Amino acid sequence: MLLRDVKELLDAKVYCGEEYLDREVNSACGADLMSDVLAFVKQEGLLLTGLLNPQIVRTAEMMDIYCIMIVRGKTPDETIVNLARAKGIVLMTTECHMYDACGKLYRAGLGR
């Protein structure tokens, strides 16, 4: 699934990385514990989280995650946006709750 499709499916707002929306992601993970992300996430994936701290970007970088989707309509601050931009990671937000966002992605064919 292309990140562009993820954006449309979740009616997401892009904060940075618009130029990377044609990247394909093969898996997704919804988590607020970054230790779970480090233990269970596959590469080339999408991270859905409700956290708003720089650790989400650092964790995504370590795990070769292309995109971070912040759920529940939360707004990232400039520190997070600038860090994601510097690392070439797409940063988006959606009004969906994590459960709903994961369900929509799963129904659309994105695995874990």
N, C-alpha and C. Protein backbone atom coordinates (compact mmCIF):
# COMPACT_ATOMS: atom_id res chain seq x y z
N MET A 1 0.85 -1.17 0.00
CA MET A 1 0.00 0.00 0.00
C MET A 1 0.90 1.24 0.00
N LEU A 2 0.55 2.20 -0.81
CA LEU A 2 1.31 3.45 -0.86
C LEU A 2 0.92 4.35 0.32
N LEU A 3 1.86 5.16 0.77
CA LEU A 3 1.56 6.10 1.84
C LEU A 3 0.47 7.08 1.42
N ARG A 4 0.40 7.36 0.14
CA ARG A 4 -0.67 8.23 -0.38
C ARG A 4 -2.05 7.60 -0.11
N ASP A 5 -2.12 6.27 -0.24
CA ASP A 5 -3.37 5.56 0.03
C ASP A 5 -3.70 5.58 1.52
N VAL A 6 -2.68 5.45 2.35
CA VAL A 6 -2.86 5.52 3.80
C VAL A 6 -3.41 6.89 4.18
N LYS A 7 -2.83 7.92 3.60
CA LYS A 7 -3.28 9.29 3.87
C LYS A 7 -4.76 9.46 3.55
N GLU A 8 -5.16 8.98 2.38
CA GLU A 8 -6.56 9.11 1.96
C GLU A 8 -7.48 8.27 2.83
N LEU A 9 -7.07 7.05 3.13
CA LEU A 9 -7.89 6.13 3.90
C LEU A 9 -8.19 6.67 5.31
N LEU A 10 -7.17 7.30 5.91
CA LEU A 10 -7.32 7.80 7.28
C LEU A 10 -7.61 9.30 7.32
N ASP A 11 -7.83 9.90 6.15
CA ASP A 11 -8.11 11.34 6.06
C ASP A 11 -7.08 12.12 6.88
N ALA A 12 -5.81 11.84 6.59
CA ALA A 12 -4.70 12.36 7.39
C ALA A 12 -4.16 13.69 6.85
N LYS A 13 -3.55 14.42 7.75
CA LYS A 13 -2.85 15.66 7.42
C LYS A 13 -1.35 15.36 7.44
N VAL A 14 -0.64 15.79 6.40
CA VAL A 14 0.80 15.57 6.31
C VAL A 14 1.53 16.78 6.89
N TYR A 15 2.42 16.52 7.85
CA TYR A 15 3.22 17.59 8.44
C TYR A 15 4.59 17.70 7.77
N CYS A 16 5.12 16.58 7.32
CA CYS A 16 6.37 16.62 6.55
C CYS A 16 6.51 15.31 5.78
N GLY A 17 7.28 15.36 4.72
CA GLY A 17 7.53 14.18 3.91
C GLY A 17 6.55 13.98 2.77
N GLU A 18 5.84 15.02 2.39
CA GLU A 18 4.87 14.91 1.29
C GLU A 18 5.53 14.32 0.04
N GLU A 19 6.80 14.59 -0.16
CA GLU A 19 7.50 14.10 -1.35
C GLU A 19 7.72 12.58 -1.32
N TYR A 20 7.46 11.94 -0.17
CA TYR A 20 7.67 10.49 -0.04
C TYR A 20 6.36 9.70 -0.06
N LEU A 21 5.25 10.32 -0.40
CA LEU A 21 3.96 9.64 -0.32
C LEU A 21 3.80 8.51 -1.33
N ASP A 22 4.72 8.38 -2.28
CA ASP A 22 4.66 7.27 -3.23
C ASP A 22 5.47 6.06 -2.75
N ARG A 23 5.98 6.11 -1.53
CA ARG A 23 6.65 4.95 -0.95
C ARG A 23 5.61 3.90 -0.59
N GLU A 24 6.01 2.65 -0.73
CA GLU A 24 5.11 1.55 -0.38
C GLU A 24 5.45 1.04 1.01
N VAL A 25 4.41 0.80 1.79
CA VAL A 25 4.58 0.17 3.11
C VAL A 25 3.91 -1.19 3.07
N ASN A 26 4.53 -2.15 3.75
CA ASN A 26 4.04 -3.53 3.73
C ASN A 26 3.48 -3.98 5.06
N SER A 27 3.67 -3.17 6.10
CA SER A 27 3.19 -3.57 7.42
C SER A 27 2.90 -2.33 8.25
N ALA A 28 2.16 -2.54 9.33
CA ALA A 28 1.83 -1.44 10.23
C ALA A 28 1.85 -1.96 11.66
N CYS A 29 2.09 -1.02 12.58
CA CYS A 29 2.09 -1.35 14.00
C CYS A 29 1.47 -0.20 14.75
N GLY A 30 0.53 -0.50 15.63
CA GLY A 30 -0.05 0.51 16.50
C GLY A 30 0.47 0.29 17.90
N ALA A 31 1.23 1.27 18.43
CA ALA A 31 1.81 1.10 19.76
C ALA A 31 2.18 2.45 20.36
N ASP A 32 2.07 2.52 21.68
CA ASP A 32 2.55 3.68 22.41
C ASP A 32 3.80 3.34 23.22
N LEU A 33 4.12 2.08 23.34
CA LEU A 33 5.36 1.66 24.00
C LEU A 33 6.43 1.45 22.93
N MET A 34 7.42 2.31 22.91
CA MET A 34 8.45 2.20 21.88
C MET A 34 9.26 0.93 22.05
N SER A 35 9.31 0.35 23.25
CA SER A 35 9.99 -0.93 23.43
C SER A 35 9.26 -2.03 22.66
N ASP A 36 7.92 -1.96 22.57
CA ASP A 36 7.17 -2.93 21.77
C ASP A 36 7.47 -2.74 20.29
N VAL A 37 7.61 -1.52 19.87
CA VAL A 37 7.95 -1.25 18.47
C VAL A 37 9.31 -1.85 18.15
N LEU A 38 10.28 -1.65 19.02
CA LEU A 38 11.62 -2.20 18.80
C LEU A 38 11.60 -3.72 18.77
N ALA A 39 10.71 -4.35 19.53
CA ALA A 39 10.68 -5.80 19.62
C ALA A 39 9.89 -6.47 18.49
N PHE A 40 8.85 -5.81 17.99
CA PHE A 40 7.91 -6.52 17.12
C PHE A 40 7.73 -5.96 15.72
N VAL A 41 8.22 -4.77 15.43
CA VAL A 41 7.92 -4.14 14.14
C VAL A 41 8.83 -4.67 13.04
N LYS A 42 8.21 -4.86 11.87
CA LYS A 42 8.96 -5.21 10.67
C LYS A 42 9.43 -3.92 10.01
N GLN A 43 10.45 -4.03 9.21
CA GLN A 43 10.97 -2.86 8.50
C GLN A 43 10.02 -2.43 7.40
N GLU A 44 10.26 -1.23 6.91
CA GLU A 44 9.48 -0.65 5.81
C GLU A 44 8.00 -0.57 6.17
N GLY A 45 7.74 -0.18 7.39
CA GLY A 45 6.37 -0.14 7.85
C GLY A 45 5.88 1.24 8.23
N LEU A 46 4.73 1.22 8.86
CA LEU A 46 4.02 2.40 9.30
C LEU A 46 3.80 2.27 10.80
N LEU A 47 4.12 3.30 11.54
CA LEU A 47 3.90 3.32 12.99
C LEU A 47 2.73 4.22 13.30
N LEU A 48 1.73 3.67 13.98
CA LEU A 48 0.61 4.46 14.47
C LEU A 48 0.80 4.61 15.98
N THR A 49 0.74 5.84 16.47
CA THR A 49 0.97 6.07 17.89
C THR A 49 0.23 7.31 18.36
N GLY A 50 -0.01 7.36 19.64
CA GLY A 50 -0.60 8.54 20.25
C GLY A 50 0.43 9.37 20.98
N LEU A 51 1.68 8.95 20.93
CA LEU A 51 2.75 9.68 21.62
C LEU A 51 3.17 10.92 20.84
N LEU A 52 3.61 11.91 21.57
CA LEU A 52 4.11 13.14 20.97
C LEU A 52 5.44 13.51 21.61
N ASN A 53 6.46 12.74 21.29
CA ASN A 53 7.81 13.07 21.76
C ASN A 53 8.82 12.65 20.71
N PRO A 54 10.04 13.17 20.79
CA PRO A 54 11.05 12.86 19.77
C PRO A 54 11.42 11.38 19.68
N GLN A 55 11.13 10.60 20.72
CA GLN A 55 11.46 9.18 20.70
C GLN A 55 10.72 8.44 19.58
N ILE A 56 9.56 8.92 19.19
CA ILE A 56 8.84 8.23 18.12
C ILE A 56 9.63 8.31 16.81
N VAL A 57 10.26 9.45 16.57
CA VAL A 57 11.06 9.61 15.35
C VAL A 57 12.34 8.81 15.44
N ARG A 58 12.98 8.84 16.59
CA ARG A 58 14.23 8.07 16.75
C ARG A 58 13.98 6.57 16.62
N THR A 59 12.89 6.11 17.19
CA THR A 59 12.54 4.70 17.07
C THR A 59 12.23 4.34 15.61
N ALA A 60 11.47 5.17 14.94
CA ALA A 60 11.16 4.93 13.53
C ALA A 60 12.44 4.86 12.70
N GLU A 61 13.36 5.74 12.96
CA GLU A 61 14.62 5.74 12.21
C GLU A 61 15.38 4.43 12.44
N MET A 62 15.45 3.98 13.68
CA MET A 62 16.17 2.74 14.01
C MET A 62 15.56 1.53 13.32
N MET A 63 14.25 1.53 13.16
CA MET A 63 13.54 0.37 12.63
C MET A 63 13.22 0.50 11.14
N ASP A 64 13.76 1.50 10.46
CA ASP A 64 13.49 1.73 9.04
C ASP A 64 11.99 1.87 8.76
N ILE A 65 11.31 2.57 9.64
CA ILE A 65 9.89 2.86 9.46
C ILE A 65 9.79 4.13 8.63
N TYR A 66 9.01 4.08 7.56
CA TYR A 66 8.92 5.19 6.63
C TYR A 66 7.96 6.29 7.07
N CYS A 67 7.00 5.93 7.92
CA CYS A 67 5.94 6.88 8.23
C CYS A 67 5.46 6.73 9.66
N ILE A 68 5.21 7.85 10.30
CA ILE A 68 4.59 7.88 11.62
C ILE A 68 3.24 8.54 11.46
N MET A 69 2.21 7.86 11.94
CA MET A 69 0.84 8.39 11.93
C MET A 69 0.45 8.63 13.39
N ILE A 70 0.26 9.89 13.73
CA ILE A 70 -0.17 10.23 15.08
C ILE A 70 -1.69 10.23 15.10
N VAL A 71 -2.26 9.48 16.04
CA VAL A 71 -3.71 9.28 16.08
C VAL A 71 -4.38 10.25 17.05
N ARG A 72 -5.70 10.21 17.06
CA ARG A 72 -6.56 10.99 17.94
C ARG A 72 -6.43 12.50 17.74
N GLY A 73 -6.05 12.91 16.54
CA GLY A 73 -6.01 14.33 16.21
C GLY A 73 -4.99 15.15 16.95
N LYS A 74 -4.00 14.50 17.52
CA LYS A 74 -2.96 15.24 18.24
C LYS A 74 -2.07 15.98 17.25
N THR A 75 -1.51 17.10 17.71
CA THR A 75 -0.67 17.94 16.85
C THR A 75 0.78 17.87 17.32
N PRO A 76 1.69 17.45 16.44
CA PRO A 76 3.11 17.40 16.82
C PRO A 76 3.71 18.80 16.89
N ASP A 77 4.66 18.97 17.81
CA ASP A 77 5.33 20.27 17.89
C ASP A 77 6.45 20.34 16.86
N GLU A 78 7.03 21.52 16.73
CA GLU A 78 8.06 21.75 15.71
C GLU A 78 9.28 20.87 15.89
N THR A 79 9.61 20.52 17.13
CA THR A 79 10.76 19.65 17.38
C THR A 79 10.58 18.31 16.69
N ILE A 80 9.39 17.73 16.84
CA ILE A 80 9.10 16.43 16.24
C ILE A 80 9.05 16.55 14.72
N VAL A 81 8.39 17.58 14.22
CA VAL A 81 8.27 17.78 12.77
C VAL A 81 9.65 17.97 12.15
N ASN A 82 10.47 18.81 12.75
CA ASN A 82 11.80 19.07 12.20
C ASN A 82 12.69 17.83 12.24
N LEU A 83 12.58 17.03 13.30
CA LEU A 83 13.38 15.81 13.40
C LEU A 83 12.94 14.80 12.34
N ALA A 84 11.64 14.64 12.17
CA ALA A 84 11.13 13.72 11.14
C ALA A 84 11.57 14.18 9.75
N ARG A 85 11.48 15.47 9.50
CA ARG A 85 11.90 16.02 8.21
C ARG A 85 13.39 15.73 7.97
N ALA A 86 14.21 15.95 8.99
CA ALA A 86 15.65 15.72 8.85
C ALA A 86 15.98 14.25 8.59
N LYS A 87 15.15 13.35 9.10
CA LYS A 87 15.39 11.91 8.93
C LYS A 87 14.69 11.33 7.70
N GLY A 88 13.94 12.15 6.97
CA GLY A 88 13.25 11.67 5.77
C GLY A 88 12.06 10.76 6.09
N ILE A 89 11.43 11.01 7.23
CA ILE A 89 10.29 10.21 7.66
C ILE A 89 9.01 11.02 7.46
N VAL A 90 8.02 10.39 6.86
CA VAL A 90 6.72 11.04 6.68
C VAL A 90 6.03 11.12 8.04
N LEU A 91 5.50 12.29 8.36
CA LEU A 91 4.79 12.49 9.62
C LEU A 91 3.39 12.99 9.31
N MET A 92 2.39 12.20 9.74
CA MET A 92 1.00 12.56 9.49
C MET A 92 0.20 12.45 10.79
N THR A 93 -0.97 13.08 10.77
CA THR A 93 -1.91 12.93 11.88
C THR A 93 -3.29 12.58 11.32
N THR A 94 -4.05 11.88 12.14
CA THR A 94 -5.42 11.52 11.80
C THR A 94 -6.31 11.72 13.01
N GLU A 95 -7.55 12.03 12.77
CA GLU A 95 -8.52 12.17 13.85
C GLU A 95 -8.95 10.80 14.39
N CYS A 96 -8.68 9.74 13.63
CA CYS A 96 -9.07 8.39 14.04
C CYS A 96 -8.39 7.98 15.34
N HIS A 97 -9.09 7.19 16.13
CA HIS A 97 -8.46 6.55 17.28
C HIS A 97 -7.62 5.40 16.76
N MET A 98 -6.66 4.96 17.55
CA MET A 98 -5.73 3.94 17.08
C MET A 98 -6.45 2.66 16.63
N TYR A 99 -7.42 2.22 17.42
CA TYR A 99 -8.16 1.00 17.09
C TYR A 99 -8.82 1.13 15.72
N ASP A 100 -9.49 2.24 15.49
CA ASP A 100 -10.17 2.46 14.22
C ASP A 100 -9.19 2.56 13.06
N ALA A 101 -8.10 3.28 13.26
CA ALA A 101 -7.10 3.45 12.20
C ALA A 101 -6.49 2.10 11.82
N CYS A 102 -6.13 1.30 12.82
CA CYS A 102 -5.55 -0.02 12.55
C CYS A 102 -6.57 -0.90 11.82
N GLY A 103 -7.83 -0.84 12.23
CA GLY A 103 -8.86 -1.64 11.58
C GLY A 103 -9.06 -1.25 10.11
N LYS A 104 -9.08 0.04 9.84
CA LYS A 104 -9.23 0.49 8.46
C LYS A 104 -8.07 0.03 7.60
N LEU A 105 -6.86 0.12 8.11
CA LEU A 105 -5.68 -0.31 7.36
C LEU A 105 -5.69 -1.81 7.13
N TYR A 106 -6.08 -2.55 8.14
CA TYR A 106 -6.14 -4.01 8.02
C TYR A 106 -7.17 -4.42 6.97
N ARG A 107 -8.36 -3.81 7.03
CA ARG A 107 -9.40 -4.12 6.05
C ARG A 107 -8.97 -3.77 4.63
N ALA A 108 -8.11 -2.76 4.51
CA ALA A 108 -7.63 -2.35 3.19
C ALA A 108 -6.48 -3.22 2.69
N GLY A 109 -6.05 -4.18 3.51
CA GLY A 109 -5.04 -5.13 3.06
C GLY A 109 -3.65 -4.96 3.63
N LEU A 110 -3.45 -3.99 4.51
CA LEU A 110 -2.12 -3.80 5.11
C LEU A 110 -1.95 -4.77 6.26
N GLY A 111 -0.88 -5.55 6.23
CA GLY A 111 -0.62 -6.56 7.26
C GLY A 111 0.19 -6.02 8.41
N ARG A 112 0.60 -6.92 9.29
CA ARG A 112 1.42 -6.51 10.42
C ARG A 112 2.81 -7.08 10.32
